[in-house]
Amino acid sequence: MAKPFAAFYLDSNAYELIYGPTERESLSAMLDIAPVVITRYSMQDHLDVLARTEIMLSGWGAPVMDEAFLEHTPSLKAVFYGAGSIRGITTDAFWSRNITITSAVEANSLPVADYTVGAILLSLKHFWRFAHKKNHEVGLADPDRKAVPGNYHSTVGVVSLGAIARRVLHLLQPHDLFKVAYDPFMSDDTIYSLGAEPCSLETVFARSDVVSLHTPLLPETIGMITGELLNSMKPGATFINTSRGKIVREKELVDVMRARPDLTAILDVTDPEPPLPGAPILDLPNVIITPHIAGSIGPECRRMGHYMVQEVKRFLAGEPLLHAISKETAGLRA
């Protein structure tokens, strides 16, 4: 039986990161793959490939699957997106075609959760504050140990319980910490089953020694984290954002961090990203910025490719996909 015709649709750099020799060999054994990587900018040069494509192998840099794209891909049956959120590439036109789509969002959640848990545990020790003092002050006085929350019976707050946040709670289970969570789409019983106490957003900020944000970027979540929430945090508390910069009102965050030097913010995402040269957020000693490294980087990206290889196997065998996404579930993923 003839193999389904497939093609890679993503940035060339993403292709090398996500689909290594092992992943490409496994896919080639199952699929008839076009000998070209199609980017958003080269599609017009490969319309013959688009017309024949039954299976799209993709990742960062995938084309937006709008009406114009779908007109050129009448044979498309399934999309295997070897990265995280598909929100930026799917459209109403795509969903109306009933094309199967699956992503490696679960694979990408693993390194984000690892980053977050590491940041949480270090924050509870006030690591960032003491490291800054060591690097910017002569000598290092013995800290006020009573002011450091530590990793025993401190409170960690989680905002939104998608795949990443659920794994964060799982990884925190061996630690003697109290956990509180806010997610308006999840029942109290489900939140309790994840090991956290359900609370309002305001309570999560007011009670927690560390608050970790995992909310998806939606029109209704833009600017959701206000200066008032941040200013309500306990003395010495830390705010972590590995979600999206637009969810936080950055000017208000800057104002609070400037007025509250006892607080710390760890931001792996900003708005804009990266911050513009000279942006006030860059000058605050209690704001730690990392360049969007929480997600898969380097060899970690191959895990996403491996997930897609396994999904292709299931698809061709007629088995249920483990990571399939519907229009309804796509809107709830970070």
Protein backbone atom coordinates (compact mmCIF):
# COMPACT_ATOMS: atom_id res chain seq x y z
CA MET A 1 0.00 0.00 0.00
CA ALA A 2 1.31 3.44 -0.91
CA LYS A 3 2.56 5.63 1.91
CA PRO A 4 0.65 8.86 2.57
CA PHE A 5 2.33 11.91 1.05
CA ALA A 6 3.73 14.28 3.67
CA ALA A 7 5.80 17.45 3.82
CA PHE A 8 7.54 19.53 6.46
CA TYR A 9 6.06 23.00 6.91
CA LEU A 10 8.10 25.10 9.38
CA ASP A 11 11.16 27.32 9.71
CA SER A 12 14.36 25.63 8.61
CA ASN A 13 15.95 26.26 12.01
CA ALA A 14 12.97 24.68 13.76
CA TYR A 15 13.19 21.69 11.42
CA GLU A 16 16.77 21.02 12.50
CA LEU A 17 15.91 21.48 16.19
CA ILE A 18 12.72 19.42 16.36
CA TYR A 19 13.20 16.65 13.82
CA GLY A 20 16.63 15.09 14.23
CA PRO A 21 18.06 12.19 12.21
CA THR A 22 16.29 9.59 14.35
CA GLU A 23 12.90 11.30 14.05
CA ARG A 24 13.29 11.86 10.30
CA GLU A 25 14.28 8.23 9.74
CA SER A 26 11.23 7.00 11.64
CA LEU A 27 8.91 9.30 9.72
CA SER A 28 10.40 8.33 6.36
CA ALA A 29 9.67 4.69 7.11
CA MET A 30 5.98 5.51 7.45
CA LEU A 31 5.47 8.38 5.00
CA ASP A 32 6.39 9.50 1.51
CA ILE A 33 8.01 12.80 2.48
CA ALA A 34 8.69 15.64 0.04
CA PRO A 35 12.42 16.38 -0.26
CA VAL A 36 12.00 20.03 0.75
CA VAL A 37 11.23 21.98 3.91
CA ILE A 38 8.50 24.50 3.13
CA THR A 39 8.54 27.77 5.04
CA ARG A 40 5.92 30.49 5.18
CA TYR A 41 7.97 32.37 2.60
CA SER A 42 8.54 29.55 0.11
CA MET A 43 5.04 28.14 -0.25
CA GLN A 44 4.39 29.83 -3.60
CA ASP A 45 7.44 28.01 -4.96
CA HIS A 46 6.04 24.60 -4.01
CA LEU A 47 2.35 24.69 -4.86
CA ASP A 48 2.65 21.22 -6.37
CA VAL A 49 3.75 19.88 -2.97
CA LEU A 50 0.94 21.73 -1.20
CA ALA A 51 -1.62 20.21 -3.55
CA ARG A 52 -0.42 16.65 -2.81
CA THR A 53 0.13 17.01 0.95
CA GLU A 54 -1.99 14.65 3.03
CA ILE A 55 0.03 14.96 6.23
CA MET A 56 1.67 18.15 7.43
CA LEU A 57 4.70 17.75 9.69
CA SER A 58 5.26 21.06 11.40
CA GLY A 59 6.52 23.16 14.28
CA TRP A 60 7.63 26.75 14.89
CA GLY A 61 7.11 28.85 11.79
CA ALA A 62 4.14 26.85 10.55
CA PRO A 63 1.91 28.62 8.02
CA VAL A 64 -1.38 30.11 9.14
CA MET A 65 -3.98 27.66 7.89
CA ASP A 66 -6.49 30.16 6.56
CA GLU A 67 -8.78 29.92 3.53
CA ALA A 68 -6.01 30.86 1.09
CA PHE A 69 -3.70 28.16 2.43
CA LEU A 70 -6.44 25.54 2.52
CA GLU A 71 -7.35 26.21 -1.10
CA HIS A 72 -3.85 25.05 -2.02
CA THR A 73 -3.99 21.96 0.25
CA PRO A 74 -7.21 20.13 -0.76
CA SER A 75 -5.77 16.72 0.24
CA LEU A 76 -4.73 17.71 3.76
CA LYS A 77 -5.99 15.21 6.33
CA ALA A 78 -3.82 15.70 9.42
CA VAL A 79 -1.42 18.20 10.96
CA PHE A 80 1.32 17.11 13.37
CA TYR A 81 2.58 20.25 15.11
CA GLY A 82 5.86 19.56 16.88
CA ALA A 83 5.63 22.57 19.18
CA GLY A 84 3.25 24.09 21.72
CA SER A 85 0.15 26.21 21.21
CA ILE A 86 -1.62 26.02 17.84
CA ARG A 87 -3.64 29.17 18.47
CA GLY A 88 -1.58 31.28 16.08
CA ILE A 89 -1.88 28.94 13.09
CA THR A 90 -5.49 27.73 13.21
CA THR A 91 -8.53 29.62 11.89
CA ASP A 92 -12.26 29.11 11.61
CA ALA A 93 -11.68 27.98 8.03
CA PHE A 94 -9.31 25.29 9.29
CA TRP A 95 -11.73 24.00 11.93
CA SER A 96 -14.55 23.86 9.39
CA ARG A 97 -12.53 21.36 7.33
CA ASN A 98 -12.46 18.80 10.18
CA ILE A 99 -8.74 18.21 9.69
CA THR A 100 -7.09 16.23 12.48
CA ILE A 101 -4.52 18.21 14.42
CA THR A 102 -2.24 17.21 17.27
CA SER A 103 0.61 19.06 18.96
CA ALA A 104 3.57 18.51 21.23
CA VAL A 105 2.25 20.94 23.82
CA GLU A 106 2.52 18.25 26.49
CA ALA A 107 6.16 17.64 25.58
CA ASN A 108 6.86 21.37 25.67
CA SER A 109 5.21 21.63 29.08
CA LEU A 110 7.91 19.48 30.68
CA PRO A 111 10.83 21.94 30.46
CA VAL A 112 8.57 24.88 31.36
CA ALA A 113 7.47 23.05 34.49
CA ASP A 114 11.08 22.20 35.34
CA TYR A 115 12.10 25.86 34.94
CA THR A 116 9.15 26.98 37.05
CA VAL A 117 9.77 24.56 39.91
CA GLY A 118 13.45 25.48 39.97
CA ALA A 119 12.53 29.17 40.10
CA ILE A 120 9.95 28.55 42.84
CA LEU A 121 12.33 26.66 45.14
CA LEU A 122 15.11 29.21 44.66
CA SER A 123 12.67 32.08 45.19
CA LEU A 124 11.56 30.66 48.51
CA LYS A 125 15.22 30.89 49.57
CA HIS A 126 15.43 34.50 48.26
CA PHE A 127 18.20 33.27 45.99
CA TRP A 128 17.74 36.05 43.44
CA ARG A 129 17.95 38.83 46.02
CA PHE A 130 21.09 37.45 47.64
CA ALA A 131 22.74 36.73 44.29
CA HIS A 132 22.16 40.33 43.23
CA LYS A 133 23.64 41.64 46.47
CA LYS A 134 26.71 39.46 46.01
CA ASN A 135 27.24 40.75 42.49
CA HIS A 136 26.53 44.41 43.17
CA GLU A 137 27.63 45.09 46.74
CA VAL A 138 30.93 44.83 48.54
CA GLY A 139 30.65 41.89 50.88
CA LEU A 140 27.48 40.03 51.77
CA ALA A 141 25.98 40.50 55.19
CA ASP A 142 24.34 37.57 56.90
CA PRO A 143 20.70 37.58 55.75
CA ASP A 144 17.74 38.17 58.01
CA ARG A 145 16.83 34.51 58.12
CA LYS A 146 13.41 35.18 59.63
CA ALA A 147 12.42 37.10 56.49
CA VAL A 148 13.19 34.20 54.12
CA PRO A 149 10.13 31.96 53.48
CA GLY A 150 12.14 28.79 52.88
CA ASN A 151 10.83 25.49 51.58
CA TYR A 152 8.84 24.33 54.59
CA HIS A 153 5.15 25.21 54.94
CA SER A 154 5.44 28.21 52.64
CA THR A 155 2.63 28.85 50.18
CA VAL A 156 2.90 28.57 46.41
CA GLY A 157 0.11 29.98 44.27
CA VAL A 158 -0.64 28.83 40.72
CA VAL A 159 -2.80 30.81 38.31
CA SER A 160 -4.57 28.64 35.68
CA LEU A 161 -4.21 24.87 35.64
CA GLY A 162 -3.22 23.83 32.16
CA ALA A 163 -0.72 21.07 31.38
CA ILE A 164 2.27 23.07 32.66
CA ALA A 165 0.70 24.13 35.94
CA ARG A 166 -0.59 20.63 36.64
CA ARG A 167 2.93 19.27 36.19
CA VAL A 168 4.29 22.01 38.46
CA LEU A 169 1.91 20.89 41.19
CA HIS A 170 2.95 17.28 40.61
CA LEU A 171 6.65 18.11 40.88
CA LEU A 172 6.04 20.07 44.07
CA GLN A 173 4.37 17.12 45.80
CA PRO A 174 7.52 15.86 47.58
CA HIS A 175 8.08 19.30 49.11
CA ASP A 176 6.47 20.42 52.34
CA LEU A 177 4.60 23.35 50.81
CA PHE A 178 1.04 24.60 50.86
CA LYS A 179 -0.41 25.10 47.36
CA VAL A 180 -3.29 27.31 46.31
CA ALA A 181 -4.67 27.69 42.79
CA TYR A 182 -7.05 29.78 40.71
CA ASP A 183 -8.76 28.44 37.60
CA PRO A 184 -12.32 29.54 36.82
CA PHE A 185 -12.78 26.64 34.37
CA MET A 186 -11.96 23.89 36.87
CA SER A 187 -14.12 22.53 39.66
CA ASP A 188 -13.02 22.78 43.27
CA ASP A 189 -12.94 18.99 43.52
CA THR A 190 -10.56 18.76 40.55
CA ILE A 191 -8.26 21.40 42.01
CA TYR A 192 -8.20 19.55 45.34
CA SER A 193 -7.36 16.33 43.47
CA LEU A 194 -4.31 18.09 42.02
CA GLY A 195 -3.06 18.83 45.51
CA ALA A 196 -4.04 22.49 45.73
CA GLU A 197 -6.66 24.54 47.53
CA PRO A 198 -9.02 26.43 45.19
CA CYS A 199 -8.97 30.18 45.80
CA SER A 200 -9.93 33.42 44.13
CA LEU A 201 -7.28 35.22 42.09
CA GLU A 202 -7.05 37.90 44.76
CA THR A 203 -6.54 35.31 47.50
CA VAL A 204 -3.80 33.52 45.56
CA PHE A 205 -1.81 36.75 45.33
CA ALA A 206 -2.45 37.80 48.91
CA ARG A 207 -1.59 34.43 50.51
CA SER A 208 1.32 33.16 48.44
CA ASP A 209 5.04 33.47 49.00
CA VAL A 210 5.44 32.70 45.28
CA VAL A 211 2.84 33.14 42.54
CA SER A 212 3.38 31.37 39.20
CA LEU A 213 1.33 32.49 36.17
CA HIS A 214 0.27 29.92 33.54
CA THR A 215 -2.74 31.61 31.94
CA PRO A 216 -3.25 31.28 28.16
CA LEU A 217 -3.19 34.48 26.13
CA LEU A 218 -6.76 35.24 25.09
CA PRO A 219 -8.52 38.55 24.40
CA GLU A 220 -10.14 38.33 27.83
CA THR A 221 -6.86 37.59 29.67
CA ILE A 222 -4.84 40.53 28.28
CA GLY A 223 -3.93 42.73 31.24
CA MET A 224 -5.41 40.25 33.71
CA ILE A 225 -2.55 40.67 36.22
CA THR A 226 -2.82 44.18 37.57
CA GLY A 227 -0.62 46.32 39.73
CA GLU A 228 -3.20 46.03 42.49
CA LEU A 229 -2.79 42.24 42.54
CA LEU A 230 0.99 42.50 42.57
CA ASN A 231 0.97 45.11 45.30
CA SER A 232 -1.19 42.85 47.47
CA MET A 233 1.59 40.26 47.70
CA LYS A 234 3.23 39.46 51.02
CA PRO A 235 6.54 41.08 51.99
CA GLY A 236 9.38 39.23 50.28
CA ALA A 237 7.10 37.42 47.81
CA THR A 238 7.98 36.50 44.22
CA PHE A 239 5.94 36.62 41.00
CA ILE A 240 6.90 34.26 38.14
CA ASN A 241 5.61 34.57 34.56
CA THR A 242 6.36 31.83 32.03
CA SER A 243 3.08 32.38 30.17
CA ARG A 244 2.79 35.52 27.99
CA GLY A 245 3.87 39.08 28.63
CA LYS A 246 0.58 40.68 27.57
CA ILE A 247 -1.27 39.02 30.44
CA VAL A 248 0.56 41.32 32.86
CA ARG A 249 0.12 45.08 32.88
CA GLU A 250 3.82 45.75 32.56
CA LYS A 251 3.78 49.46 33.42
CA GLU A 252 1.89 48.67 36.61
CA LEU A 253 4.34 45.86 37.38
CA VAL A 254 7.23 48.29 36.98
CA ASP A 255 5.56 50.79 39.30
CA VAL A 256 4.94 48.16 41.97
CA MET A 257 8.44 46.69 41.75
CA ARG A 258 9.92 50.14 42.03
CA ALA A 259 7.79 50.97 45.08
CA ARG A 260 8.18 47.50 46.65
CA PRO A 261 11.88 46.52 46.55
CA ASP A 262 11.02 43.62 48.87
CA LEU A 263 9.19 41.89 45.98
CA THR A 264 10.83 39.96 43.14
CA ALA A 265 9.55 39.28 39.63
CA ILE A 266 10.98 36.51 37.44
CA LEU A 267 9.88 37.06 33.85
CA ASP A 268 10.65 34.61 31.06
CA VAL A 269 8.23 36.55 28.85
CA THR A 270 7.68 40.29 28.42
CA ASP A 271 5.66 42.68 26.26
CA PRO A 272 7.23 43.45 23.89
CA GLU A 273 9.67 40.57 23.73
CA PRO A 274 12.50 41.24 24.15
CA PRO A 275 12.08 44.53 26.03
CA LEU A 276 12.99 47.62 24.04
CA PRO A 277 16.42 49.13 24.80
CA GLY A 278 16.13 51.54 27.69
CA ALA A 279 12.81 50.09 28.91
CA PRO A 280 12.27 50.85 32.62
CA ILE A 281 11.83 47.15 33.39
CA LEU A 282 15.48 46.54 32.51
CA ASP A 283 16.74 48.82 35.28
CA LEU A 284 14.97 47.24 38.23
CA PRO A 285 17.25 45.09 40.44
CA ASN A 286 14.30 43.05 41.72
CA VAL A 287 13.14 42.03 38.23
CA ILE A 288 14.90 39.00 36.73
CA ILE A 289 14.39 38.58 32.97
CA THR A 290 15.29 35.45 31.01
CA PRO A 291 14.97 35.36 27.19
CA HIS A 292 12.00 32.97 26.80
CA ILE A 293 14.08 29.90 27.69
CA ALA A 294 11.56 28.05 29.86
CA GLY A 295 10.17 26.11 26.90
CA SER A 296 12.07 23.55 24.86
CA ILE A 297 15.55 24.66 23.80
CA GLY A 298 18.49 22.78 22.33
CA PRO A 299 18.20 18.98 22.57
CA GLU A 300 14.93 19.32 24.51
CA CYS A 301 13.25 20.15 21.19
CA ARG A 302 13.80 16.59 19.94
CA ARG A 303 11.32 15.40 22.55
CA MET A 304 8.62 17.30 20.66
CA GLY A 305 9.65 15.62 17.42
CA HIS A 306 9.55 12.23 19.13
CA TYR A 307 6.00 12.92 20.34
CA MET A 308 4.93 13.64 16.77
CA VAL A 309 6.55 10.43 15.48
CA GLN A 310 4.49 8.48 17.99
CA GLU A 311 1.33 10.35 17.01
CA VAL A 312 1.91 9.59 13.31
CA LYS A 313 2.22 5.89 14.19
CA ARG A 314 -1.10 6.01 16.02
CA PHE A 315 -2.79 7.93 13.21
CA LEU A 316 -1.70 5.47 10.53
CA ALA A 317 -2.75 2.54 12.72
CA GLY A 318 -6.20 4.04 13.22
CA GLU A 319 -5.61 4.43 16.94
CA PRO A 320 -6.78 7.41 19.05
CA LEU A 321 -4.24 10.24 19.19
CA LEU A 322 -2.99 11.06 22.67
CA HIS A 323 -2.57 14.77 21.99
CA ALA A 324 -5.34 15.59 19.53
CA ILE A 325 -6.80 19.08 19.79
CA SER A 326 -10.31 20.26 19.02
CA LYS A 327 -11.52 23.80 18.45
CA GLU A 328 -12.99 23.79 21.96
CA THR A 329 -9.88 22.55 23.77
CA ALA A 330 -7.54 24.78 21.75
CA GLY A 331 -8.96 27.85 23.43
CA LEU A 332 -8.07 26.60 26.91
CA ARG A 333 -4.42 25.74 26.31
CA ALA A 334 -1.60 28.10 27.24
